[in-house]
Amino acid sequence: MATPNDKPKKSEIFRQAMRWLIDFVFTFKNKRGEVLDYKLSHADGLNLSAQEFYAQVEATLAVRKIPGMEISRVHFNEGGLLSDQRVYLRLMRERLCIDTCAAPFGNLYFFSSRTVYVPALIRLWHILATGFFFGATFFLLAKPLGANYAVIATVALVFALVGVLRNAASDGGSDLDTLLLKIPVVGTLYENWFRVDTYYREDTRNLYVDLLPKFIDELAQETCAAKGVKLERRFQPAPPVSDLNKPLPPEKKPGAA
């Protein structure tokens, strides 16, 4: 039975509601997203340009001709807002990206690879922007066509756009599907309301997140071998720094319930 102390306070409920409202209205982009997998390897005494390694990765993946994948270079701060930035190679397909870093660390040189899921989120400003677009379309057509015909033309435009989104959603891996996912607001609405998660999309997504980190790791091994350096692989990272000083749970004695 719940006690009065178990019930959340009104101030806590209000705070959570306000946080949800602010997040719903003002959250525009999740640059990093949720890390699904992480691989790390290092070599001792390796001298390598990160840009050179990234160019090798790009050339290798260009031969693979993976549909719907975009390659870019993104900057992340090494520390706070005013700290130096480190360039990462980003492989993006649908909502999954693989962020790769090649960088020196003292006398060591490390390669890291993170598989990141960046979710599509419906925000209030998406809905407002959609309403503004159709409202502006109506007012632009109202003067030359009149109010009645402007309403008909606007409704026809809505149905035409819905048809385009439905056709794109039914064709997995098409150029139109890839293009729609990139368009701000439209991409979010398209993925949440029209795009169907099929077996084919699931299969190709699993291939993407499984094989591409392996390609990058193999290329790092080849690069180190060509320079006469051994690559030490460590696929399971150490616990976060914040968890290092936490006490371990007591061990259960044999026969304990």
C-alpha atoms as a PDB file:
ATOM      1  CA  MET A   1       0.000   0.000   0.000  1.00  0.00           C
ATOM      2  CA  ALA A   2       1.369   3.414  -0.957  1.00  0.00           C
ATOM      3  CA  THR A   3       2.129   5.801   1.870  1.00  0.00           C
ATOM      4  CA  PRO A   4       1.816   9.611   1.703  1.00  0.00           C
ATOM      5  CA  ASN A   5       5.607   9.809   1.323  1.00  0.00           C
ATOM      6  CA  ASP A   6       5.430   7.652  -1.821  1.00  0.00           C
ATOM      7  CA  LYS A   7       3.293  10.201  -3.664  1.00  0.00           C
ATOM      8  CA  PRO A   8       5.172  12.788  -5.748  1.00  0.00           C
ATOM      9  CA  LYS A   9       4.979  16.329  -4.463  1.00  0.00           C
ATOM     10  CA  LYS A  10       3.010  18.892  -6.445  1.00  0.00           C
ATOM     11  CA  SER A  11       6.149  20.963  -6.965  1.00  0.00           C
ATOM     12  CA  GLU A  12       7.928  17.927  -8.463  1.00  0.00           C
ATOM     13  CA  ILE A  13       4.994  17.200 -10.784  1.00  0.00           C
ATOM     14  CA  PHE A  14       4.940  20.840 -11.880  1.00  0.00           C
ATOM     15  CA  ARG A  15       8.707  20.817 -12.491  1.00  0.00           C
ATOM     16  CA  GLN A  16       8.514  17.658 -14.588  1.00  0.00           C
ATOM     17  CA  ALA A  17       5.586  19.049 -16.580  1.00  0.00           C
ATOM     18  CA  MET A  18       7.465  22.279 -17.299  1.00  0.00           C
ATOM     19  CA  ARG A  19      10.585  20.361 -18.382  1.00  0.00           C
ATOM     20  CA  TRP A  20       8.475  18.238 -20.742  1.00  0.00           C
ATOM     21  CA  LEU A  21       6.798  21.358 -22.181  1.00  0.00           C
ATOM     22  CA  ILE A  22      10.091  23.193 -22.726  1.00  0.00           C
ATOM     23  CA  ASP A  23      11.647  20.088 -24.275  1.00  0.00           C
ATOM     24  CA  PHE A  24       8.628  19.598 -26.565  1.00  0.00           C
ATOM     25  CA  VAL A  25       8.722  23.187 -27.788  1.00  0.00           C
ATOM     26  CA  PHE A  26      12.400  24.067 -27.990  1.00  0.00           C
ATOM     27  CA  THR A  27      14.423  20.895 -28.593  1.00  0.00           C
ATOM     28  CA  PHE A  28      15.532  21.216 -32.213  1.00  0.00           C
ATOM     29  CA  LYS A  29      18.313  18.700 -32.791  1.00  0.00           C
ATOM     30  CA  ASN A  30      20.010  15.876 -30.972  1.00  0.00           C
ATOM     31  CA  LYS A  31      23.555  16.029 -32.358  1.00  0.00           C
ATOM     32  CA  ARG A  32      24.943  13.006 -30.561  1.00  0.00           C
ATOM     33  CA  GLY A  33      21.930  10.825 -29.863  1.00  0.00           C
ATOM     34  CA  GLU A  34      21.989   7.503 -28.002  1.00  0.00           C
ATOM     35  CA  VAL A  35      25.173   5.431 -28.213  1.00  0.00           C
ATOM     36  CA  LEU A  36      24.265   1.818 -29.060  1.00  0.00           C
ATOM     37  CA  ASP A  37      27.756   0.363 -29.452  1.00  0.00           C
ATOM     38  CA  TYR A  38      31.319   1.480 -28.826  1.00  0.00           C
ATOM     39  CA  LYS A  39      34.637   0.048 -30.011  1.00  0.00           C
ATOM     40  CA  LEU A  40      38.104   1.258 -29.067  1.00  0.00           C
ATOM     41  CA  SER A  41      41.614   0.229 -30.139  1.00  0.00           C
ATOM     42  CA  HIS A  42      45.053   1.786 -29.776  1.00  0.00           C
ATOM     43  CA  ALA A  43      48.625   1.536 -31.031  1.00  0.00           C
ATOM     44  CA  ASP A  44      51.874   2.558 -29.366  1.00  0.00           C
ATOM     45  CA  GLY A  45      54.099   5.029 -31.231  1.00  0.00           C
ATOM     46  CA  LEU A  46      51.917   5.389 -34.324  1.00  0.00           C
ATOM     47  CA  ASN A  47      52.338   8.604 -36.317  1.00  0.00           C
ATOM     48  CA  LEU A  48      49.256   9.143 -38.474  1.00  0.00           C
ATOM     49  CA  SER A  49      47.166  12.024 -39.762  1.00  0.00           C
ATOM     50  CA  ALA A  50      43.507  11.647 -38.850  1.00  0.00           C
ATOM     51  CA  GLN A  51      42.494  13.253 -42.145  1.00  0.00           C
ATOM     52  CA  GLU A  52      44.579  10.689 -44.016  1.00  0.00           C
ATOM     53  CA  PHE A  53      42.824   7.830 -42.222  1.00  0.00           C
ATOM     54  CA  TYR A  54      39.393   9.364 -42.825  1.00  0.00           C
ATOM     55  CA  ALA A  55      40.195   9.684 -46.537  1.00  0.00           C
ATOM     56  CA  GLN A  56      41.103   5.987 -46.609  1.00  0.00           C
ATOM     57  CA  VAL A  57      37.793   5.089 -44.947  1.00  0.00           C
ATOM     58  CA  GLU A  58      35.881   7.225 -47.446  1.00  0.00           C
ATOM     59  CA  ALA A  59      37.662   5.625 -50.416  1.00  0.00           C
ATOM     60  CA  THR A  60      37.042   2.113 -49.064  1.00  0.00           C
ATOM     61  CA  LEU A  61      33.339   2.713 -48.439  1.00  0.00           C
ATOM     62  CA  ALA A  62      32.864   4.419 -51.819  1.00  0.00           C
ATOM     63  CA  VAL A  63      33.623   1.056 -53.461  1.00  0.00           C
ATOM     64  CA  ARG A  64      30.890  -0.582 -51.342  1.00  0.00           C
ATOM     65  CA  LYS A  65      28.222   1.784 -52.761  1.00  0.00           C
ATOM     66  CA  ILE A  66      26.018   1.547 -49.676  1.00  0.00           C
ATOM     67  CA  PRO A  67      22.614   3.081 -50.582  1.00  0.00           C
ATOM     68  CA  GLY A  68      21.344   6.004 -48.551  1.00  0.00           C
ATOM     69  CA  MET A  69      24.607   6.578 -46.658  1.00  0.00           C
ATOM     70  CA  GLU A  70      26.137  10.031 -46.261  1.00  0.00           C
ATOM     71  CA  ILE A  71      29.718  10.677 -45.198  1.00  0.00           C
ATOM     72  CA  SER A  72      30.633  13.925 -43.449  1.00  0.00           C
ATOM     73  CA  ARG A  73      33.073  15.314 -40.922  1.00  0.00           C
ATOM     74  CA  VAL A  74      31.701  16.762 -37.714  1.00  0.00           C
ATOM     75  CA  HIS A  75      33.371  18.685 -34.899  1.00  0.00           C
ATOM     76  CA  PHE A  76      32.989  17.849 -31.213  1.00  0.00           C
ATOM     77  CA  ASN A  77      34.518  19.821 -28.365  1.00  0.00           C
ATOM     78  CA  GLU A  78      37.273  18.071 -26.441  1.00  0.00           C
ATOM     79  CA  GLY A  79      36.069  19.739 -23.250  1.00  0.00           C
ATOM     80  CA  GLY A  80      33.782  22.688 -22.574  1.00  0.00           C
ATOM     81  CA  LEU A  81      32.191  25.111 -24.980  1.00  0.00           C
ATOM     82  CA  LEU A  82      35.405  27.088 -25.607  1.00  0.00           C
ATOM     83  CA  SER A  83      37.752  24.091 -25.764  1.00  0.00           C
ATOM     84  CA  ASP A  84      39.523  22.791 -28.842  1.00  0.00           C
ATOM     85  CA  GLN A  85      37.492  20.728 -31.267  1.00  0.00           C
ATOM     86  CA  ARG A  86      38.214  17.250 -32.558  1.00  0.00           C
ATOM     87  CA  VAL A  87      37.131  16.186 -36.052  1.00  0.00           C
ATOM     88  CA  TYR A  88      35.147  12.941 -36.303  1.00  0.00           C
ATOM     89  CA  LEU A  89      34.174  11.053 -39.433  1.00  0.00           C
ATOM     90  CA  ARG A  90      30.403  10.515 -39.484  1.00  0.00           C
ATOM     91  CA  LEU A  91      28.687   7.823 -41.546  1.00  0.00           C
ATOM     92  CA  MET A  92      24.948   8.522 -41.561  1.00  0.00           C
ATOM     93  CA  ARG A  93      22.174   6.281 -42.862  1.00  0.00           C
ATOM     94  CA  GLU A  94      18.531   6.756 -41.894  1.00  0.00           C
ATOM     95  CA  ARG A  95      18.682   7.595 -38.163  1.00  0.00           C
ATOM     96  CA  LEU A  96      21.838   5.594 -37.490  1.00  0.00           C
ATOM     97  CA  CYS A  97      25.280   7.113 -37.644  1.00  0.00           C
ATOM     98  CA  ILE A  98      28.750   5.768 -36.968  1.00  0.00           C
ATOM     99  CA  ASP A  99      31.115   8.356 -35.507  1.00  0.00           C
ATOM    100  CA  THR A 100      34.782   7.447 -35.935  1.00  0.00           C
ATOM    101  CA  CYS A 101      37.749   9.184 -34.364  1.00  0.00           C
ATOM    102  CA  ALA A 102      41.471   8.749 -35.050  1.00  0.00           C
ATOM    103  CA  ALA A 103      43.651  10.820 -32.719  1.00  0.00           C
ATOM    104  CA  PRO A 104      46.897  10.826 -30.707  1.00  0.00           C
ATOM    105  CA  PHE A 105      46.864  10.495 -26.927  1.00  0.00           C
ATOM    106  CA  GLY A 106      50.355  11.104 -25.582  1.00  0.00           C
ATOM    107  CA  ASN A 107      52.615   8.456 -27.144  1.00  0.00           C
ATOM    108  CA  LEU A 108      49.568   6.375 -28.012  1.00  0.00           C
ATOM    109  CA  TYR A 109      47.252   6.642 -30.999  1.00  0.00           C
ATOM    110  CA  PHE A 110      43.659   5.468 -30.712  1.00  0.00           C
ATOM    111  CA  PHE A 111      40.777   4.606 -33.012  1.00  0.00           C
ATOM    112  CA  SER A 112      37.233   4.771 -31.707  1.00  0.00           C
ATOM    113  CA  SER A 113      33.928   3.926 -33.326  1.00  0.00           C
ATOM    114  CA  ARG A 114      30.477   4.705 -31.906  1.00  0.00           C
ATOM    115  CA  THR A 115      27.193   3.516 -33.353  1.00  0.00           C
ATOM    116  CA  VAL A 116      24.676   6.232 -32.522  1.00  0.00           C
ATOM    117  CA  TYR A 117      20.907   6.332 -32.921  1.00  0.00           C
ATOM    118  CA  VAL A 118      19.531   9.838 -33.503  1.00  0.00           C
ATOM    119  CA  PRO A 119      15.745   9.653 -33.003  1.00  0.00           C
ATOM    120  CA  ALA A 120      13.170  11.533 -35.025  1.00  0.00           C
ATOM    121  CA  LEU A 121      11.125  13.633 -32.612  1.00  0.00           C
ATOM    122  CA  ILE A 122       7.864  15.500 -33.212  1.00  0.00           C
ATOM    123  CA  ARG A 123       8.100  18.944 -31.650  1.00  0.00           C
ATOM    124  CA  LEU A 124       5.557  21.713 -31.338  1.00  0.00           C
ATOM    125  CA  TRP A 125       7.504  23.926 -33.713  1.00  0.00           C
ATOM    126  CA  HIS A 126       7.271  21.181 -36.368  1.00  0.00           C
ATOM    127  CA  ILE A 127       3.479  21.311 -36.188  1.00  0.00           C
ATOM    128  CA  LEU A 128       3.466  25.115 -36.151  1.00  0.00           C
ATOM    129  CA  ALA A 129       5.793  25.249 -39.157  1.00  0.00           C
ATOM    130  CA  THR A 130       3.534  22.845 -41.062  1.00  0.00           C
ATOM    131  CA  GLY A 131       0.457  24.909 -40.233  1.00  0.00           C
ATOM    132  CA  PHE A 132       2.238  28.103 -41.251  1.00  0.00           C
ATOM    133  CA  PHE A 133       3.229  26.577 -44.613  1.00  0.00           C
ATOM    134  CA  PHE A 134      -0.327  25.602 -45.538  1.00  0.00           C
ATOM    135  CA  GLY A 135      -1.696  28.871 -44.165  1.00  0.00           C
ATOM    136  CA  ALA A 136       0.739  30.869 -46.282  1.00  0.00           C
ATOM    137  CA  THR A 137      -0.156  28.742 -49.312  1.00  0.00           C
ATOM    138  CA  PHE A 138      -3.850  29.514 -48.798  1.00  0.00           C
ATOM    139  CA  PHE A 139      -3.291  33.271 -48.526  1.00  0.00           C
ATOM    140  CA  LEU A 140      -1.077  33.318 -51.616  1.00  0.00           C
ATOM    141  CA  LEU A 141      -3.765  31.513 -53.634  1.00  0.00           C
ATOM    142  CA  ALA A 142      -6.733  33.405 -52.184  1.00  0.00           C
ATOM    143  CA  LYS A 143      -6.109  36.594 -54.162  1.00  0.00           C
ATOM    144  CA  PRO A 144      -5.820  35.121 -57.685  1.00  0.00           C
ATOM    145  CA  LEU A 145      -8.279  32.232 -57.169  1.00  0.00           C
ATOM    146  CA  GLY A 146     -10.668  33.443 -54.516  1.00  0.00           C
ATOM    147  CA  ALA A 147     -11.238  31.959 -51.078  1.00  0.00           C
ATOM    148  CA  ASN A 148     -13.259  28.903 -52.186  1.00  0.00           C
ATOM    149  CA  TYR A 149     -10.843  27.780 -54.877  1.00  0.00           C
ATOM    150  CA  ALA A 150      -7.896  28.542 -52.598  1.00  0.00           C
ATOM    151  CA  VAL A 151      -9.312  26.115 -50.012  1.00  0.00           C
ATOM    152  CA  ILE A 152      -9.766  23.444 -52.690  1.00  0.00           C
ATOM    153  CA  ALA A 153      -6.222  23.977 -53.998  1.00  0.00           C
ATOM    154  CA  THR A 154      -4.737  23.820 -50.494  1.00  0.00           C
ATOM    155  CA  VAL A 155      -6.610  20.606 -49.668  1.00  0.00           C
ATOM    156  CA  ALA A 156      -5.488  19.139 -53.005  1.00  0.00           C
ATOM    157  CA  LEU A 157      -1.902  20.046 -52.129  1.00  0.00           C
ATOM    158  CA  VAL A 158      -2.249  18.242 -48.793  1.00  0.00           C
ATOM    159  CA  PHE A 159      -3.476  15.070 -50.503  1.00  0.00           C
ATOM    160  CA  ALA A 160      -0.743  15.315 -53.137  1.00  0.00           C
ATOM    161  CA  LEU A 161       1.966  15.591 -50.486  1.00  0.00           C
ATOM    162  CA  VAL A 162       0.468  12.697 -48.532  1.00  0.00           C
ATOM    163  CA  GLY A 163       0.555  10.628 -51.728  1.00  0.00           C
ATOM    164  CA  VAL A 164       4.212  11.468 -52.280  1.00  0.00           C
ATOM    165  CA  LEU A 165       5.075  10.518 -48.696  1.00  0.00           C
ATOM    166  CA  ARG A 166       3.152   7.249 -48.935  1.00  0.00           C
ATOM    167  CA  ASN A 167       4.838   6.301 -52.211  1.00  0.00           C
ATOM    168  CA  ALA A 168       8.269   7.093 -50.788  1.00  0.00           C
ATOM    169  CA  ALA A 169       7.519   5.056 -47.661  1.00  0.00           C
ATOM    170  CA  SER A 170       6.601   1.996 -49.760  1.00  0.00           C
ATOM    171  CA  ASP A 171       9.905   2.020 -51.655  1.00  0.00           C
ATOM    172  CA  GLY A 172      12.662   0.995 -49.251  1.00  0.00           C
ATOM    173  CA  GLY A 173      16.080   2.524 -49.862  1.00  0.00           C
ATOM    174  CA  SER A 174      14.970   4.844 -52.679  1.00  0.00           C
ATOM    175  CA  ASP A 175      16.583   8.226 -53.326  1.00  0.00           C
ATOM    176  CA  LEU A 176      13.297   9.962 -52.472  1.00  0.00           C
ATOM    177  CA  ASP A 177      13.110   8.155 -49.137  1.00  0.00           C
ATOM    178  CA  THR A 178      16.667   9.261 -48.334  1.00  0.00           C
ATOM    179  CA  LEU A 179      15.936  12.829 -49.435  1.00  0.00           C
ATOM    180  CA  LEU A 180      12.789  13.142 -47.315  1.00  0.00           C
ATOM    181  CA  LEU A 181      14.638  11.997 -44.198  1.00  0.00           C
ATOM    182  CA  LYS A 182      17.085  14.892 -44.615  1.00  0.00           C
ATOM    183  CA  ILE A 183      14.491  17.676 -44.894  1.00  0.00           C
ATOM    184  CA  PRO A 184      13.888  19.485 -41.569  1.00  0.00           C
ATOM    185  CA  VAL A 185      10.338  19.075 -40.213  1.00  0.00           C
ATOM    186  CA  VAL A 186       9.246  17.036 -43.260  1.00  0.00           C
ATOM    187  CA  GLY A 187      11.689  14.230 -42.433  1.00  0.00           C
ATOM    188  CA  THR A 188      10.402  13.944 -38.868  1.00  0.00           C
ATOM    189  CA  LEU A 189       6.731  13.925 -39.889  1.00  0.00           C
ATOM    190  CA  TYR A 190       7.438  11.482 -42.702  1.00  0.00           C
ATOM    191  CA  GLU A 191       9.256   9.002 -40.481  1.00  0.00           C
ATOM    192  CA  ASN A 192       6.768   9.146 -37.619  1.00  0.00           C
ATOM    193  CA  TRP A 193       3.518   9.066 -39.600  1.00  0.00           C
ATOM    194  CA  PHE A 194       4.198   7.462 -42.987  1.00  0.00           C
ATOM    195  CA  ARG A 195       7.362   5.389 -43.089  1.00  0.00           C
ATOM    196  CA  VAL A 196       6.863   1.683 -42.354  1.00  0.00           C
ATOM    197  CA  ASP A 197       9.617  -0.349 -40.716  1.00  0.00           C
ATOM    198  CA  THR A 198       9.782  -3.392 -43.036  1.00  0.00           C
ATOM    199  CA  TYR A 199      11.862  -6.580 -42.890  1.00  0.00           C
ATOM    200  CA  TYR A 200      14.079  -5.222 -45.658  1.00  0.00           C
ATOM    201  CA  ARG A 201      14.789  -2.018 -43.762  1.00  0.00           C
ATOM    202  CA  GLU A 202      15.523  -4.006 -40.616  1.00  0.00           C
ATOM    203  CA  ASP A 203      17.888  -6.370 -42.477  1.00  0.00           C
ATOM    204  CA  THR A 204      19.832  -3.582 -44.192  1.00  0.00           C
ATOM    205  CA  ARG A 205      19.981  -1.593 -40.961  1.00  0.00           C
ATOM    206  CA  ASN A 206      21.467  -4.563 -39.101  1.00  0.00           C
ATOM    207  CA  LEU A 207      24.020  -5.095 -41.878  1.00  0.00           C
ATOM    208  CA  TYR A 208      24.972  -1.444 -41.696  1.00  0.00           C
ATOM    209  CA  VAL A 209      25.562  -1.300 -37.934  1.00  0.00           C
ATOM    210  CA  ASP A 210      27.341  -4.684 -37.887  1.00  0.00           C
ATOM    211  CA  LEU A 211      29.628  -4.479 -40.915  1.00  0.00           C
ATOM    212  CA  LEU A 212      30.720  -0.849 -41.103  1.00  0.00           C
ATOM    213  CA  PRO A 213      32.471  -0.763 -37.698  1.00  0.00           C
ATOM    214  CA  LYS A 214      34.247  -3.962 -38.770  1.00  0.00           C
ATOM    215  CA  PHE A 215      35.368  -2.313 -42.016  1.00  0.00           C
ATOM    216  CA  ILE A 216      36.796   0.596 -40.044  1.00  0.00           C
ATOM    217  CA  ASP A 217      38.553  -1.714 -37.581  1.00  0.00           C
ATOM    218  CA  GLU A 218      40.068  -3.771 -40.424  1.00  0.00           C
ATOM    219  CA  LEU A 219      41.319  -0.610 -42.105  1.00  0.00           C
ATOM    220  CA  ALA A 220      42.886   0.551 -38.812  1.00  0.00           C
ATOM    221  CA  GLN A 221      44.668  -2.814 -38.537  1.00  0.00           C
ATOM    222  CA  GLU A 222      45.935  -2.550 -42.116  1.00  0.00           C
ATOM    223  CA  THR A 223      47.138   1.018 -41.525  1.00  0.00           C
ATOM    224  CA  CYS A 224      49.046   0.030 -38.396  1.00  0.00           C
ATOM    225  CA  ALA A 225      50.521  -3.060 -40.046  1.00  0.00           C
ATOM    226  CA  ALA A 226      51.737  -0.971 -42.998  1.00  0.00           C
ATOM    227  CA  LYS A 227      53.601   1.271 -40.537  1.00  0.00           C
ATOM    228  CA  GLY A 228      55.024  -1.657 -38.575  1.00  0.00           C
ATOM    229  CA  VAL A 229      52.918  -0.984 -35.477  1.00  0.00           C
ATOM    230  CA  LYS A 230      50.729  -3.455 -33.600  1.00  0.00           C
ATOM    231  CA  LEU A 231      47.107  -2.485 -32.997  1.00  0.00           C
ATOM    232  CA  GLU A 232      45.767  -3.421 -29.575  1.00  0.00           C
ATOM    233  CA  ARG A 233      42.019  -3.957 -29.659  1.00  0.00           C
ATOM    234  CA  ARG A 234      39.784  -3.257 -26.690  1.00  0.00           C
ATOM    235  CA  PHE A 235      36.130  -3.650 -27.600  1.00  0.00           C
ATOM    236  CA  GLN A 236      34.724  -3.433 -24.077  1.00  0.00           C
ATOM    237  CA  PRO A 237      35.424   0.050 -22.669  1.00  0.00           C
ATOM    238  CA  ALA A 238      36.233   0.737 -19.040  1.00  0.00           C
ATOM    239  CA  PRO A 239      33.414   1.912 -16.754  1.00  0.00           C
ATOM    240  CA  PRO A 240      32.648   5.649 -16.796  1.00  0.00           C
ATOM    241  CA  VAL A 241      34.743   7.797 -14.481  1.00  0.00           C
ATOM    242  CA  SER A 242      31.654   8.669 -12.458  1.00  0.00           C
ATOM    243  CA  ASP A 243      31.177   4.962 -11.650  1.00  0.00           C
ATOM    244  CA  LEU A 244      34.760   4.131 -10.645  1.00  0.00           C
ATOM    245  CA  ASN A 245      34.362   5.067  -6.992  1.00  0.00           C
ATOM    246  CA  LYS A 246      30.956   3.493  -6.450  1.00  0.00           C
ATOM    247  CA  PRO A 247      31.013   0.646  -3.911  1.00  0.00           C
ATOM    248  CA  LEU A 248      30.443  -2.839  -5.266  1.00  0.00           C
ATOM    249  CA  PRO A 249      27.313  -4.709  -4.117  1.00  0.00           C
ATOM    250  CA  PRO A 250      27.993  -7.260  -1.359  1.00  0.00           C
ATOM    251  CA  GLU A 251      28.598 -10.796  -2.547  1.00  0.00           C
ATOM    252  CA  LYS A 252      25.918 -13.315  -1.686  1.00  0.00           C
ATOM    253  CA  LYS A 253      27.013 -16.189   0.506  1.00  0.00           C
ATOM    254  CA  PRO A 254      26.379 -19.725  -0.721  1.00  0.00           C
ATOM    255  CA  GLY A 255      22.896 -20.814   0.124  1.00  0.00           C
ATOM    256  CA  ALA A 256      21.654 -17.282   0.690  1.00  0.00           C
ATOM    257  CA  ALA A 257      18.224 -16.520  -0.665  1.00  0.00           C
END
